[in-house]
C-alpha atoms as a PDB file:
ATOM      1  CA  MET A   1       3.297  -2.066  60.414  1.00  0.00           C
ATOM      2  CA  ASP A   2       1.087   0.632  61.861  1.00  0.00           C
ATOM      3  CA  ALA A   3      -2.709   0.341  61.703  1.00  0.00           C
ATOM      4  CA  GLU A   4      -3.077   3.174  59.197  1.00  0.00           C
ATOM      5  CA  HIS A   5      -0.757   1.487  56.685  1.00  0.00           C
ATOM      6  CA  PHE A   6      -2.495  -1.878  57.141  1.00  0.00           C
ATOM      7  CA  GLU A   7      -5.912  -0.262  56.620  1.00  0.00           C
ATOM      8  CA  ALA A   8      -4.613   1.414  53.453  1.00  0.00           C
ATOM      9  CA  ILE A   9      -3.712  -2.027  52.080  1.00  0.00           C
ATOM     10  CA  VAL A  10      -7.211  -3.261  52.968  1.00  0.00           C
ATOM     11  CA  GLY A  11      -8.647  -0.264  51.110  1.00  0.00           C
ATOM     12  CA  ARG A  12      -6.606  -1.061  47.992  1.00  0.00           C
ATOM     13  CA  VAL A  13      -7.764  -4.677  48.064  1.00  0.00           C
ATOM     14  CA  LEU A  14     -11.391  -3.577  48.387  1.00  0.00           C
ATOM     15  CA  ASP A  15     -10.961  -1.070  45.565  1.00  0.00           C
ATOM     16  CA  ALA A  16      -9.607  -3.868  43.348  1.00  0.00           C
ATOM     17  CA  LEU A  17     -12.748  -6.017  43.682  1.00  0.00           C
ATOM     18  CA  PRO A  18     -14.502  -6.460  40.327  1.00  0.00           C
ATOM     19  CA  ALA A  19     -17.306  -3.896  39.957  1.00  0.00           C
ATOM     20  CA  PRO A  20     -20.183  -6.442  39.896  1.00  0.00           C
ATOM     21  CA  LEU A  21     -18.908  -8.010  43.133  1.00  0.00           C
ATOM     22  CA  ALA A  22     -18.119  -4.678  44.780  1.00  0.00           C
ATOM     23  CA  THR A  23     -21.690  -3.542  44.140  1.00  0.00           C
ATOM     24  CA  ARG A  24     -23.146  -6.665  45.756  1.00  0.00           C
ATOM     25  CA  VAL A  25     -21.014  -6.372  48.900  1.00  0.00           C
ATOM     26  CA  ALA A  26     -21.089  -2.588  49.303  1.00  0.00           C
ATOM     27  CA  ASP A  27     -23.228  -2.804  52.454  1.00  0.00           C
ATOM     28  CA  ILE A  28     -20.820  -5.092  54.317  1.00  0.00           C
ATOM     29  CA  ALA A  29     -18.697  -3.188  56.822  1.00  0.00           C
ATOM     30  CA  VAL A  30     -15.036  -4.202  56.804  1.00  0.00           C
ATOM     31  CA  VAL A  31     -13.097  -3.400  59.968  1.00  0.00           C
ATOM     32  CA  VAL A  32      -9.569  -4.092  61.143  1.00  0.00           C
ATOM     33  CA  GLU A  33      -8.883  -5.252  64.682  1.00  0.00           C
ATOM     34  CA  GLU A  34      -5.480  -5.990  66.207  1.00  0.00           C
ATOM     35  CA  GLU A  35      -6.302  -9.489  67.464  1.00  0.00           C
ATOM     36  CA  PRO A  36      -9.299 -11.800  67.654  1.00  0.00           C
ATOM     37  CA  THR A  37     -10.852 -12.253  71.070  1.00  0.00           C
ATOM     38  CA  ALA A  38     -10.340 -15.522  72.938  1.00  0.00           C
ATOM     39  CA  GLN A  39     -13.976 -16.395  72.233  1.00  0.00           C
ATOM     40  CA  ASP A  40     -13.555 -15.686  68.508  1.00  0.00           C
ATOM     41  CA  ARG A  41     -10.531 -17.988  68.432  1.00  0.00           C
ATOM     42  CA  ARG A  42     -12.467 -20.778  70.144  1.00  0.00           C
ATOM     43  CA  VAL A  43     -15.539 -20.442  67.943  1.00  0.00           C
ATOM     44  CA  TYR A  44     -13.979 -19.607  64.571  1.00  0.00           C
ATOM     45  CA  GLY A  45     -10.287 -20.387  64.749  1.00  0.00           C
ATOM     46  CA  THR A  46      -8.423 -23.336  63.371  1.00  0.00           C
ATOM     47  CA  ASP A  47      -5.471 -24.350  65.537  1.00  0.00           C
ATOM     48  CA  GLY A  48      -5.750 -20.981  67.262  1.00  0.00           C
ATOM     49  CA  VAL A  49      -5.137 -18.968  64.068  1.00  0.00           C
ATOM     50  CA  LEU A  50      -7.890 -16.643  62.930  1.00  0.00           C
ATOM     51  CA  LEU A  51      -7.175 -14.130  60.160  1.00  0.00           C
ATOM     52  CA  GLY A  52     -10.685 -12.773  59.678  1.00  0.00           C
ATOM     53  CA  ARG A  53     -14.346 -13.574  60.038  1.00  0.00           C
ATOM     54  CA  TYR A  54     -17.744 -12.733  58.601  1.00  0.00           C
ATOM     55  CA  SER A  55     -20.641 -12.147  60.954  1.00  0.00           C
ATOM     56  CA  GLY A  56     -24.145 -11.696  59.716  1.00  0.00           C
ATOM     57  CA  VAL A  57     -26.836 -13.691  57.981  1.00  0.00           C
ATOM     58  CA  ALA A  58     -25.661 -15.229  54.719  1.00  0.00           C
ATOM     59  CA  LEU A  59     -27.793 -14.303  51.707  1.00  0.00           C
ATOM     60  CA  PRO A  60     -29.246 -17.814  51.165  1.00  0.00           C
ATOM     61  CA  ARG A  61     -30.509 -17.887  54.782  1.00  0.00           C
ATOM     62  CA  ARG A  62     -32.383 -14.602  54.618  1.00  0.00           C
ATOM     63  CA  ARG A  63     -36.137 -14.530  54.356  1.00  0.00           C
ATOM     64  CA  VAL A  64     -38.164 -11.543  53.283  1.00  0.00           C
ATOM     65  CA  ARG A  65     -41.877 -11.526  53.949  1.00  0.00           C
ATOM     66  CA  GLY A  66     -43.802  -9.129  51.770  1.00  0.00           C
ATOM     67  CA  ARG A  67     -42.246  -5.700  51.999  1.00  0.00           C
ATOM     68  CA  SER A  68     -40.835  -6.059  55.495  1.00  0.00           C
ATOM     69  CA  SER A  69     -37.902  -8.051  56.783  1.00  0.00           C
ATOM     70  CA  ILE A  70     -36.833  -9.035  60.258  1.00  0.00           C
ATOM     71  CA  ALA A  71     -34.461  -6.558  61.851  1.00  0.00           C
ATOM     72  CA  ARG A  72     -30.915  -7.885  62.037  1.00  0.00           C
ATOM     73  CA  MET A  73     -27.428  -6.723  62.810  1.00  0.00           C
ATOM     74  CA  PRO A  74     -25.499  -5.347  59.832  1.00  0.00           C
ATOM     75  CA  ASP A  75     -23.115  -7.662  57.981  1.00  0.00           C
ATOM     76  CA  LEU A  76     -19.510  -7.311  59.102  1.00  0.00           C
ATOM     77  CA  ILE A  77     -16.128  -8.642  58.086  1.00  0.00           C
ATOM     78  CA  LYS A  78     -13.347  -8.356  60.633  1.00  0.00           C
ATOM     79  CA  LEU A  79      -9.717  -8.658  59.585  1.00  0.00           C
ATOM     80  CA  TYR A  80      -7.161  -9.352  62.311  1.00  0.00           C
ATOM     81  CA  GLN A  81      -3.947  -7.459  61.701  1.00  0.00           C
ATOM     82  CA  GLY A  82      -1.684  -9.275  64.155  1.00  0.00           C
ATOM     83  CA  PRO A  83      -2.274 -12.833  62.884  1.00  0.00           C
ATOM     84  CA  ILE A  84      -2.043 -11.708  59.254  1.00  0.00           C
ATOM     85  CA  GLU A  85       1.272  -9.927  59.841  1.00  0.00           C
ATOM     86  CA  ARG A  86       2.696 -12.859  61.814  1.00  0.00           C
ATOM     87  CA  ALA A  87       1.668 -15.342  59.120  1.00  0.00           C
ATOM     88  CA  CYS A  88       3.629 -13.245  56.610  1.00  0.00           C
ATOM     89  CA  ASP A  89       6.595 -12.494  58.850  1.00  0.00           C
ATOM     90  CA  GLY A  90       5.981  -8.794  58.150  1.00  0.00           C
ATOM     91  CA  ASP A  91       6.425  -9.059  54.357  1.00  0.00           C
ATOM     92  CA  GLU A  92       4.128  -6.428  52.812  1.00  0.00           C
ATOM     93  CA  THR A  93       3.527  -8.309  49.554  1.00  0.00           C
ATOM     94  CA  CYS A  94       2.511 -11.390  51.492  1.00  0.00           C
ATOM     95  CA  ILE A  95       0.322  -9.280  53.799  1.00  0.00           C
ATOM     96  CA  ALA A  96      -1.546  -7.786  50.836  1.00  0.00           C
ATOM     97  CA  HIS A  97      -2.052 -11.233  49.329  1.00  0.00           C
ATOM     98  CA  LEU A  98      -3.277 -12.690  52.612  1.00  0.00           C
ATOM     99  CA  ILE A  99      -5.669  -9.776  53.155  1.00  0.00           C
ATOM    100  CA  GLU A 100      -7.047 -10.419  49.656  1.00  0.00           C
ATOM    101  CA  GLU A 101      -7.453 -14.168  50.306  1.00  0.00           C
ATOM    102  CA  THR A 102      -9.082 -13.566  53.663  1.00  0.00           C
ATOM    103  CA  LEU A 103     -11.497 -10.958  52.303  1.00  0.00           C
ATOM    104  CA  HIS A 104     -12.486 -13.215  49.405  1.00  0.00           C
ATOM    105  CA  ARG A 105     -13.075 -16.134  51.790  1.00  0.00           C
ATOM    106  CA  GLU A 106     -15.187 -14.035  54.162  1.00  0.00           C
ATOM    107  CA  ILE A 107     -17.160 -12.500  51.273  1.00  0.00           C
ATOM    108  CA  GLY A 108     -17.863 -16.099  50.287  1.00  0.00           C
ATOM    109  CA  ARG A 109     -19.489 -16.640  53.705  1.00  0.00           C
ATOM    110  CA  TYR A 110     -21.835 -13.741  52.904  1.00  0.00           C
ATOM    111  CA  PHE A 111     -22.922 -15.578  49.749  1.00  0.00           C
ATOM    112  CA  GLY A 112     -23.400 -18.816  51.704  1.00  0.00           C
ATOM    113  CA  ILE A 113     -20.245 -20.642  50.683  1.00  0.00           C
ATOM    114  CA  PRO A 114     -19.264 -22.868  53.619  1.00  0.00           C
ATOM    115  CA  TYR A 115     -15.771 -23.123  55.051  1.00  0.00           C
ATOM    116  CA  ALA A 116     -13.842 -25.965  53.512  1.00  0.00           C
ATOM    117  CA  SER A 117     -13.197 -28.768  55.949  1.00  0.00           C
ATOM    118  CA  THR A 118      -9.601 -29.915  55.890  1.00  0.00           C
END
C-alpha cells in the first residue's frame, strides 16, 4: 500500500474518534513513518515488533507553576506503516483495525495509562 493510502486510513480513524476525546488530543501530532529506528525497537519494541509510539510528557506527569510552564517538545504519536502492514499481511480491513488499536493505545499513554505487561 502506498503511503498516501495508508495516511488516508489514519485520517479516517482520527476523524472517527468521539468528539470529547478528539478535542482533548487535538494538539498531539500524528505522523506515519515507514519503519521504526533500531533504537526505537530496542527501547519500545516487544520482540522486535513496534507498531507505534507516543513521545511526550503524559498529562499526569505535567506540572504547571502559576501561569508559566516548562518548555517541552510537542506530543507526538508515530505510526509505523511497515510493521502494521506486515502484521495484517496487507489486508486493508485488518490494517485499519490495527491502526485504530495502535492509536487508541498510544493516546492512552498521553493520558498516563501504562503499557500492559504480558
